[in-house]
Protein backbone atom coordinates (compact mmCIF):
# COMPACT_ATOMS: atom_id res chain seq x y z
CA MET A 1 -2.70 3.49 9.78
CA ALA A 2 -3.87 7.07 10.44
CA ALA A 3 -7.18 5.83 11.85
CA GLU A 4 -5.39 3.28 14.05
CA GLN A 5 -3.15 6.00 15.45
CA PHE A 6 -6.15 8.23 16.13
CA ASP A 7 -8.10 5.49 17.92
CA LYS A 8 -5.11 4.70 20.13
CA VAL A 9 -4.71 8.36 21.13
CA ALA A 10 -8.46 8.86 21.62
CA ASP A 11 -8.48 5.88 23.99
CA PHE A 12 -5.55 7.37 25.90
CA LEU A 13 -7.30 10.76 26.16
CA LYS A 14 -10.62 9.08 27.06
CA LEU A 15 -12.41 11.30 24.54
CA ASP A 16 -16.18 11.37 24.79
CA ASP A 17 -17.81 9.38 22.00
CA ASP A 18 -19.45 12.45 20.45
CA LEU A 19 -16.18 14.40 20.27
CA ARG A 20 -14.32 11.31 19.13
CA GLU A 21 -16.57 10.85 16.10
CA ARG A 22 -16.50 14.55 15.19
CA CYS A 23 -12.70 14.69 15.38
CA LYS A 24 -12.11 11.52 13.39
CA TRP A 25 -14.23 11.95 10.27
CA PRO A 26 -13.42 14.48 7.50
CA LYS A 27 -15.79 17.35 6.84
CA ARG A 28 -15.60 16.98 3.05
CA LEU A 29 -14.34 14.32 0.65
CA ILE A 30 -14.40 15.71 -2.88
CA THR A 31 -13.86 13.65 -6.04
CA VAL A 32 -13.88 15.26 -9.48
CA SER A 33 -13.23 14.15 -13.04
CA VAL A 34 -10.62 16.25 -14.84
CA PRO A 35 -10.83 15.92 -18.63
CA ILE A 36 -8.03 17.48 -20.66
CA GLU A 37 -6.83 17.48 -24.26
CA ARG A 38 -3.52 15.65 -24.64
CA ASP A 39 -0.83 16.93 -26.97
CA ASP A 40 -1.79 14.36 -29.61
CA GLY A 41 -5.33 15.76 -29.76
CA SER A 42 -6.98 12.97 -27.79
CA THR A 43 -9.07 13.57 -24.67
CA GLU A 44 -8.23 11.85 -21.41
CA VAL A 45 -10.14 11.97 -18.14
CA PHE A 46 -8.15 12.01 -14.90
CA PHE A 47 -9.56 11.79 -11.39
CA GLY A 48 -8.80 14.38 -8.74
CA TYR A 49 -9.41 14.40 -5.00
CA ARG A 50 -9.48 16.91 -2.17
CA VAL A 51 -10.20 16.07 1.47
CA GLN A 52 -10.91 18.81 4.00
CA HIS A 53 -10.65 17.23 7.42
CA HIS A 54 -12.20 20.10 9.35
CA LEU A 55 -12.51 23.88 9.34
CA THR A 56 -13.11 24.31 13.08
CA ARG A 57 -9.86 26.20 13.71
CA GLY A 58 -9.53 27.96 10.35
CA PRO A 59 -9.18 27.21 6.62
CA VAL A 60 -7.74 23.82 5.72
CA LYS A 61 -4.09 23.69 4.67
CA GLY A 62 -2.31 20.95 2.78
CA GLY A 63 -0.50 19.87 -0.34
CA LEU A 64 -1.58 18.80 -3.81
CA ARG A 65 0.21 15.75 -5.21
CA TYR A 66 0.38 14.26 -8.71
CA HIS A 67 1.15 10.52 -8.65
CA PRO A 68 -0.25 7.37 -10.29
CA ALA A 69 -1.03 5.76 -6.90
CA VAL A 70 -3.14 8.66 -5.58
CA ASP A 71 -6.54 7.56 -4.29
CA LEU A 72 -9.15 8.90 -1.89
CA GLY A 73 -8.03 6.74 1.04
CA GLU A 74 -4.44 7.99 0.87
CA ILE A 75 -5.59 11.60 0.57
CA ALA A 76 -7.96 11.24 3.54
CA ALA A 77 -5.18 9.82 5.74
CA LEU A 78 -2.77 12.61 4.78
CA ALA A 79 -5.45 15.23 5.47
CA MET A 80 -5.97 13.75 8.96
CA TRP A 81 -2.23 13.87 9.68
CA MET A 82 -2.06 17.45 8.43
CA ASN A 83 -4.91 18.27 10.80
CA TRP A 84 -2.92 17.13 13.83
CA LYS A 85 0.24 18.80 12.50
CA CYS A 86 -1.42 22.21 12.25
CA ALA A 87 -2.98 21.83 15.69
CA LEU A 88 0.31 20.73 17.26
CA MET A 89 2.16 23.71 15.76
CA ASP A 90 -0.72 25.96 16.90
CA LEU A 91 -1.37 27.16 13.35
CA PRO A 92 -4.87 28.55 12.64
CA PHE A 93 -5.62 25.83 10.08
CA GLY A 94 -7.39 22.54 9.73
CA GLY A 95 -5.90 19.70 7.71
CA GLY A 96 -6.39 19.26 3.98
CA LYS A 97 -4.83 17.22 1.18
CA GLY A 98 -5.41 16.82 -2.52
CA GLY A 99 -4.17 14.84 -5.46
CA ILE A 100 -4.68 13.77 -9.05
CA SER A 101 -4.07 10.22 -10.18
CA CYS A 102 -1.59 10.76 -13.02
CA ASP A 103 2.08 10.30 -13.88
CA PRO A 104 3.57 13.80 -14.26
CA ARG A 105 6.84 12.30 -15.59
CA THR A 106 5.05 11.22 -18.78
CA MET A 107 3.21 14.53 -19.33
CA SER A 108 4.37 17.68 -21.09
CA ASP A 109 4.33 21.10 -19.42
CA GLY A 110 1.33 22.01 -21.55
CA GLU A 111 -0.61 18.95 -20.42
CA LEU A 112 0.27 19.59 -16.78
CA GLU A 113 -0.87 23.20 -17.10
CA ARG A 114 -4.20 22.18 -18.63
CA LEU A 115 -4.64 19.51 -15.94
CA THR A 116 -3.92 21.98 -13.14
CA ARG A 117 -6.15 24.73 -14.48
CA ARG A 118 -9.07 22.37 -15.07
CA PHE A 119 -8.69 20.84 -11.58
CA THR A 120 -8.66 24.36 -10.10
CA MET A 121 -11.92 25.20 -11.88
CA GLU A 122 -13.53 21.99 -10.61
CA MET A 123 -12.42 22.90 -7.07
CA MET A 124 -13.54 26.53 -7.32
CA PRO A 125 -16.66 26.15 -5.10
CA PHE A 126 -14.57 24.58 -2.32
CA ILE A 127 -11.36 26.66 -2.13
CA GLY A 128 -10.32 30.17 -1.13
CA PRO A 129 -7.85 31.98 1.18
CA ASP A 130 -10.30 31.58 4.08
CA VAL A 131 -11.52 28.09 3.11
CA ASP A 132 -8.80 25.88 1.59
CA VAL A 133 -5.20 26.82 0.78
CA MET A 134 -3.16 24.33 -1.29
CA ALA A 135 0.63 23.91 -1.51
CA PRO A 136 3.16 21.82 -3.49
CA ASP A 137 3.60 18.14 -2.72
CA MET A 138 4.87 15.04 -4.49
CA GLY A 139 4.91 15.64 -8.27
CA THR A 140 3.98 19.34 -8.01
CA ASN A 141 6.04 22.51 -7.54
CA GLU A 142 5.92 26.30 -7.49
CA GLN A 143 4.93 26.37 -11.18
CA THR A 144 1.85 24.28 -10.36
CA MET A 145 0.98 26.80 -7.64
CA ALA A 146 1.48 29.67 -10.11
CA TRP A 147 -1.09 28.11 -12.48
CA ILE A 148 -3.58 27.70 -9.62
CA THR A 149 -2.99 31.30 -8.53
CA ASP A 150 -3.59 32.61 -12.05
CA THR A 151 -6.69 30.48 -12.69
CA TYR A 152 -8.31 31.47 -9.40
CA SER A 153 -7.31 35.13 -9.74
CA VAL A 154 -8.68 35.43 -13.29
CA HIS A 155 -11.95 33.97 -12.03
CA MET A 156 -12.06 36.48 -9.13
CA GLY A 157 -11.03 39.43 -11.29
CA HIS A 158 -7.97 40.38 -9.23
CA LEU A 159 -4.75 38.81 -7.90
CA VAL A 160 -5.43 36.55 -4.91
CA PRO A 161 -1.97 35.44 -3.71
CA GLY A 162 -3.36 33.80 -0.56
CA ILE A 163 -5.13 31.05 -2.55
CA VAL A 164 -1.99 28.86 -2.38
CA THR A 165 1.43 28.80 -0.75
CA GLY A 166 4.72 27.62 -2.22
CA LYS A 167 4.38 30.10 -5.08
CA PRO A 168 7.28 31.70 -6.98
CA LEU A 169 8.73 34.75 -5.24
CA ASN A 170 7.57 36.97 -8.10
CA LEU A 171 3.96 36.06 -7.25
CA GLN A 172 4.38 36.92 -3.55
CA GLY A 173 5.79 33.58 -2.47
CA SER A 174 7.87 33.43 0.69
CA SER A 175 11.63 33.30 1.02
CA GLY A 176 12.72 30.04 2.66
CA ARG A 177 9.62 28.05 1.66
CA THR A 178 11.43 25.62 -0.67
CA ARG A 179 13.98 24.51 1.92
CA ALA A 180 11.68 24.77 4.94
CA THR A 181 10.72 21.11 5.45
CA GLY A 182 14.25 19.76 5.07
CA GLN A 183 15.63 22.63 7.15
CA GLY A 184 13.22 21.67 9.91
CA VAL A 185 14.20 17.98 9.78
CA GLY A 186 17.89 18.83 10.12
CA PHE A 187 17.25 21.36 12.89
CA MET A 188 15.08 18.97 14.91
CA ALA A 189 17.57 16.10 14.55
CA SER A 190 20.44 18.27 15.77
CA ASN A 191 18.35 19.39 18.75
CA ALA A 192 17.66 15.76 19.62
CA LEU A 193 21.38 14.98 19.59
CA HIS A 194 21.98 17.92 21.95
CA GLU A 195 19.37 16.51 24.33
CA LEU A 196 21.04 13.09 24.21
CA GLY A 197 24.42 14.65 24.94
CA VAL A 198 25.87 13.65 21.56
CA SER A 199 28.15 16.12 19.80
CA VAL A 200 26.55 17.35 16.58
CA ASP A 201 29.89 18.22 15.02
CA GLY A 202 31.23 14.92 13.70
CA ALA A 203 27.98 13.00 14.15
CA THR A 204 26.83 10.71 11.31
CA ALA A 205 23.58 10.59 9.37
CA VAL A 206 21.74 8.46 6.83
CA VAL A 207 19.10 10.14 4.67
CA GLN A 208 16.60 8.02 2.75
CA GLY A 209 15.22 10.01 -0.15
CA PHE A 210 16.99 12.86 -1.93
CA GLY A 211 14.12 14.95 -3.20
CA ASN A 212 13.36 18.41 -1.86
CA VAL A 213 13.01 17.27 1.77
CA GLY A 214 15.87 14.77 1.88
CA SER A 215 18.41 16.93 0.06
CA ASN A 216 17.70 19.99 2.19
CA ALA A 217 17.77 17.89 5.37
CA ALA A 218 21.18 16.54 4.34
CA LEU A 219 22.51 19.99 3.47
CA THR A 220 21.24 21.43 6.77
CA LEU A 221 22.79 18.63 8.83
CA ASN A 222 26.05 18.93 6.93
CA SER A 223 26.15 22.67 7.65
CA TYR A 224 26.10 21.79 11.36
CA GLY A 225 29.13 19.52 10.92
CA VAL A 226 27.24 16.22 10.59
CA LYS A 227 28.80 13.69 8.20
CA ILE A 228 26.31 12.36 5.64
CA CYS A 229 27.36 8.72 5.26
CA GLY A 230 24.41 7.23 3.41
CA VAL A 231 21.87 8.57 0.91
CA SER A 232 19.28 6.94 -1.35
CA ASP A 233 16.75 7.87 -3.99
CA VAL A 234 14.32 5.95 -6.20
CA ASN A 235 17.22 4.55 -8.25
CA GLY A 236 19.38 3.16 -5.45
CA ALA A 237 21.55 3.89 -2.41
CA ILE A 238 25.14 4.96 -1.80
CA TRP A 239 27.39 4.73 1.27
CA ASN A 240 30.65 6.24 2.51
CA ALA A 241 31.44 5.64 6.18
CA GLY A 242 33.73 8.68 6.22
CA GLY A 243 31.04 11.04 4.96
CA MET A 244 30.37 12.53 1.53
CA ASP A 245 31.26 15.88 0.01
CA MET A 246 27.76 17.36 -0.22
CA LYS A 247 28.67 20.03 -2.78
CA LYS A 248 29.99 17.37 -5.15
CA LEU A 249 27.00 15.09 -4.46
CA MET A 250 24.55 17.92 -5.19
CA ALA A 251 26.39 18.73 -8.43
CA HIS A 252 26.23 15.04 -9.43
CA TYR A 253 22.53 14.84 -8.57
CA GLU A 254 21.67 17.99 -10.53
CA ALA A 255 23.63 16.71 -13.56
CA THR A 256 22.28 13.13 -13.58
CA GLY A 257 19.00 13.25 -11.64
CA THR A 258 20.16 10.52 -9.23
CA VAL A 259 22.66 9.91 -6.43
CA VAL A 260 23.62 6.58 -8.02
CA GLY A 261 26.97 6.70 -9.78
CA PHE A 262 28.49 9.30 -7.45
CA ASP A 263 32.22 8.59 -7.36
CA GLY A 264 32.56 9.66 -3.72
CA ALA A 265 30.66 6.65 -2.40
CA GLU A 266 29.89 2.98 -3.02
CA GLU A 267 26.53 1.59 -4.08
CA MET A 268 24.60 -0.60 -1.69
CA ALA A 269 21.13 -2.20 -1.38
CA PRO A 270 18.52 0.42 -0.41
CA CYS A 271 16.98 -1.89 2.20
CA GLY A 272 20.36 -2.19 3.90
CA LEU A 273 20.81 1.57 4.15
CA LEU A 274 18.18 1.89 6.88
CA ILE A 275 20.00 -0.44 9.26
CA GLN A 276 23.49 1.05 8.94
CA GLU A 277 25.06 2.35 12.13
CA CYS A 278 24.60 6.13 12.44
CA ASP A 279 23.59 8.84 14.90
CA ILE A 280 20.67 10.14 12.81
CA LEU A 281 18.40 8.18 10.48
CA ALA A 282 16.12 10.45 8.44
CA PRO A 283 13.55 8.64 6.25
CA CYS A 284 12.44 11.43 3.90
CA ALA A 285 10.73 9.56 1.08
CA LEU A 286 8.08 6.84 1.39
CA ASP A 287 5.65 5.87 4.13
CA ARG A 288 5.89 2.59 6.09
CA VAL A 289 9.60 1.96 5.47
CA ILE A 290 10.29 1.26 9.16
CA ASP A 291 8.20 -1.79 9.98
CA LYS A 292 8.24 -4.91 12.14
CA SER A 293 10.82 -6.54 9.84
CA ASN A 294 13.57 -3.95 10.42
CA ALA A 295 12.67 -1.91 13.53
CA ALA A 296 14.69 -4.17 15.82
CA ASP A 297 17.75 -3.80 13.58
CA LEU A 298 17.95 0.01 13.49
CA LYS A 299 21.33 1.27 14.73
CA CYS A 300 20.56 4.98 15.07
CA LYS A 301 20.23 7.19 18.12
CA VAL A 302 17.69 9.54 16.54
CA LEU A 303 14.92 8.67 14.05
CA ALA A 304 13.93 11.93 12.35
CA GLU A 305 10.76 11.35 10.31
CA GLY A 306 11.01 13.62 7.29
CA ALA A 307 8.35 11.64 5.39
CA ASN A 308 4.70 11.22 6.39
CA GLY A 309 4.05 7.93 8.16
CA PRO A 310 7.45 6.26 7.66
CA THR A 311 7.05 4.15 10.81
CA THR A 312 4.25 1.60 11.17
CA PRO A 313 2.35 1.07 14.45
CA GLU A 314 3.99 -2.38 14.77
CA ALA A 315 7.43 -0.79 14.46
CA ASP A 316 6.46 1.83 17.05
CA VAL A 317 5.82 -0.92 19.59
CA ILE A 318 9.27 -2.41 18.93
CA LEU A 319 11.00 0.98 19.20
CA ASP A 320 9.11 1.83 22.39
CA ASP A 321 10.20 -1.47 23.93
CA ARG A 322 13.81 -0.84 22.89
CA GLY A 323 13.88 2.61 24.42
CA ASP A 324 17.26 3.49 22.88
CA VAL A 325 16.04 5.44 19.82
CA MET A 326 14.66 8.96 20.16
CA VAL A 327 11.84 9.24 17.63
CA ILE A 328 11.01 12.71 16.30
CA PRO A 329 7.51 12.03 14.94
CA ASP A 330 6.56 13.24 11.48
CA VAL A 331 3.83 15.47 12.87
CA VAL A 332 6.53 17.83 14.17
CA CYS A 333 9.70 16.73 12.35
CA ASN A 334 8.42 17.64 8.88
CA ALA A 335 6.19 20.51 10.03
CA GLY A 336 8.60 23.09 8.62
CA GLY A 337 6.79 23.14 5.29
CA VAL A 338 3.32 23.92 6.62
CA THR A 339 4.73 26.36 9.17
CA VAL A 340 6.48 28.45 6.51
CA SER A 341 3.37 28.05 4.34
CA TYR A 342 1.52 29.71 7.22
CA PHE A 343 4.10 32.51 7.18
CA GLU A 344 3.55 32.91 3.42
CA TRP A 345 -0.23 33.03 3.88
CA VAL A 346 0.11 35.67 6.61
CA GLN A 347 2.39 37.76 4.40
CA ASN A 348 -0.10 37.49 1.52
CA MET A 349 -3.05 38.50 3.70
CA GLN A 350 -1.09 41.47 5.11
CA ARG A 351 0.65 42.35 1.82
CA PHE A 352 3.94 42.37 3.74
CA LEU A 353 7.17 40.47 3.03
CA TRP A 354 9.67 38.97 5.50
CA SER A 355 13.33 38.23 4.79
CA GLU A 356 14.57 34.65 4.57
CA ARG A 357 16.46 35.13 7.83
CA GLU A 358 13.26 36.23 9.58
CA VAL A 359 11.37 33.23 8.14
CA ILE A 360 13.95 30.62 9.19
CA THR A 361 14.42 32.19 12.64
CA ARG A 362 10.65 32.17 13.27
CA LEU A 363 10.45 28.58 12.00
CA GLU A 364 13.22 27.26 14.24
CA THR A 365 11.78 29.08 17.26
CA MET A 366 8.35 27.47 16.74
CA LEU A 367 9.80 24.01 16.13
CA GLN A 368 11.97 24.21 19.25
CA GLN A 369 9.05 25.35 21.40
CA THR A 370 6.78 22.61 20.07
CA PHE A 371 9.33 19.84 20.57
CA GLY A 372 9.93 21.05 24.11
CA LYS A 373 6.20 20.82 24.72
CA ILE A 374 6.15 17.27 23.33
CA ARG A 375 9.09 16.13 25.45
CA ALA A 376 7.53 17.61 28.61
CA TYR A 377 4.20 15.86 27.92
CA ALA A 378 5.96 12.56 27.16
CA ASN A 379 7.90 12.72 30.43
CA ASP A 380 4.90 13.78 32.52
CA HIS A 381 2.65 11.02 31.16
CA GLN A 382 5.35 8.40 30.52
CA VAL A 383 4.38 7.95 26.88
CA SER A 384 6.26 8.00 23.57
CA ASN A 385 6.98 11.19 21.66
CA ARG A 386 4.47 10.17 19.00
CA MET A 387 1.71 9.60 21.55
CA ALA A 388 2.56 12.90 23.22
CA ALA A 389 2.54 14.86 19.96
CA GLN A 390 -0.72 13.39 18.72
CA ALA A 391 -2.38 13.67 22.12
CA ILE A 392 -1.58 17.39 22.31
CA ALA A 393 -2.85 17.89 18.75
CA ILE A 394 -6.07 15.88 19.08
CA ARG A 395 -6.90 17.48 22.42
CA THR A 396 -6.43 20.92 20.80
CA VAL A 397 -8.91 20.07 18.04
CA ALA A 398 -11.36 18.41 20.44
CA ASP A 399 -11.36 21.43 22.75
CA ALA A 400 -12.01 23.78 19.81
CA LYS A 401 -14.94 21.64 18.63
CA LYS A 402 -16.33 21.48 22.18
CA SER A 403 -16.12 25.27 22.52
CA ARG A 404 -17.90 25.87 19.22
CA GLY A 405 -20.59 23.29 20.01
CA LEU A 406 -22.67 21.23 17.60
CA PHE A 407 -24.86 23.21 15.20
CA PRO A 408 -28.47 21.92 15.41
């Protein structure tokens, strides 16, 4: 899917064949075995991956995920998307992504710590604040980043906070980092409603996924006066056409670990949630959930892509033909996380801390400027927002590679 999107944009830009090949293929694809001792005394070998798409514009930046379905192909696609995201936001990074094929839900904290520290040691020749900077992703969190920071710093002989972002605040993490991606999704969706002339106060939203991104997107939208009518997680979906009390829903979720069973809404089929009538639909969980089977049935005004790759190329064609849904592509809609990660990295390199207000203000300013740039390009060239966003990003990378030249 990522390669198909790239080829389509490269054709549109009429990229020279030499630049096209250099932009498309990753610089490094790293696979390592990660043996650890389990709590029962047995030894198990896991497999870890890290893809560095390119370092032309700076060190690579991207998350580290722990999930049973992780494989090299998925990681390579996510690294490519992160590449365009950083270029679009004009961050001095290339795209990276990493993962370990494991199920963190079945592992103890001790096993996860040993797994993380061993993976860090295996990656040691390929990472550093000026080479590759990891961050939390699916199945990982600020504790994972703390273990990486400690392992790398012990090896270097001094604290190196810039080796990762998304760290705890007491290890020079950044205020606002945890909520950044969801905050950005909510902010971008509200801006889109303003552009469409729809009142944000009293608008309705459906949020698929209630992890870190989805929950913070819902809370942000709700703070603007948007009614959250539908929410889902891995266990099911709930619906209340009049809107839900987000404080009570959050309390229920924190107590039970799921939105299912919340007494302020009715349960419904998760597949049906996506096609409910609403002003904002925010898929914030899995990829490829908007496809050719349901794209024609969407009843939203704004599609805010909080997840990576939630809309397939076939669905894009249907939505483009419809012309009545404003798509905020993932490459900008969920860029809040990497943007605030950049802020954290800058603070670490300068040994200087910003307040949460400063962080969120800077984030929203950059997102607003970037979306304005996308909308202007889309209007000038009569293309979709996704094509505009990716064209700007790929052209930025191609121009940087052309300026640097090809080393003999």
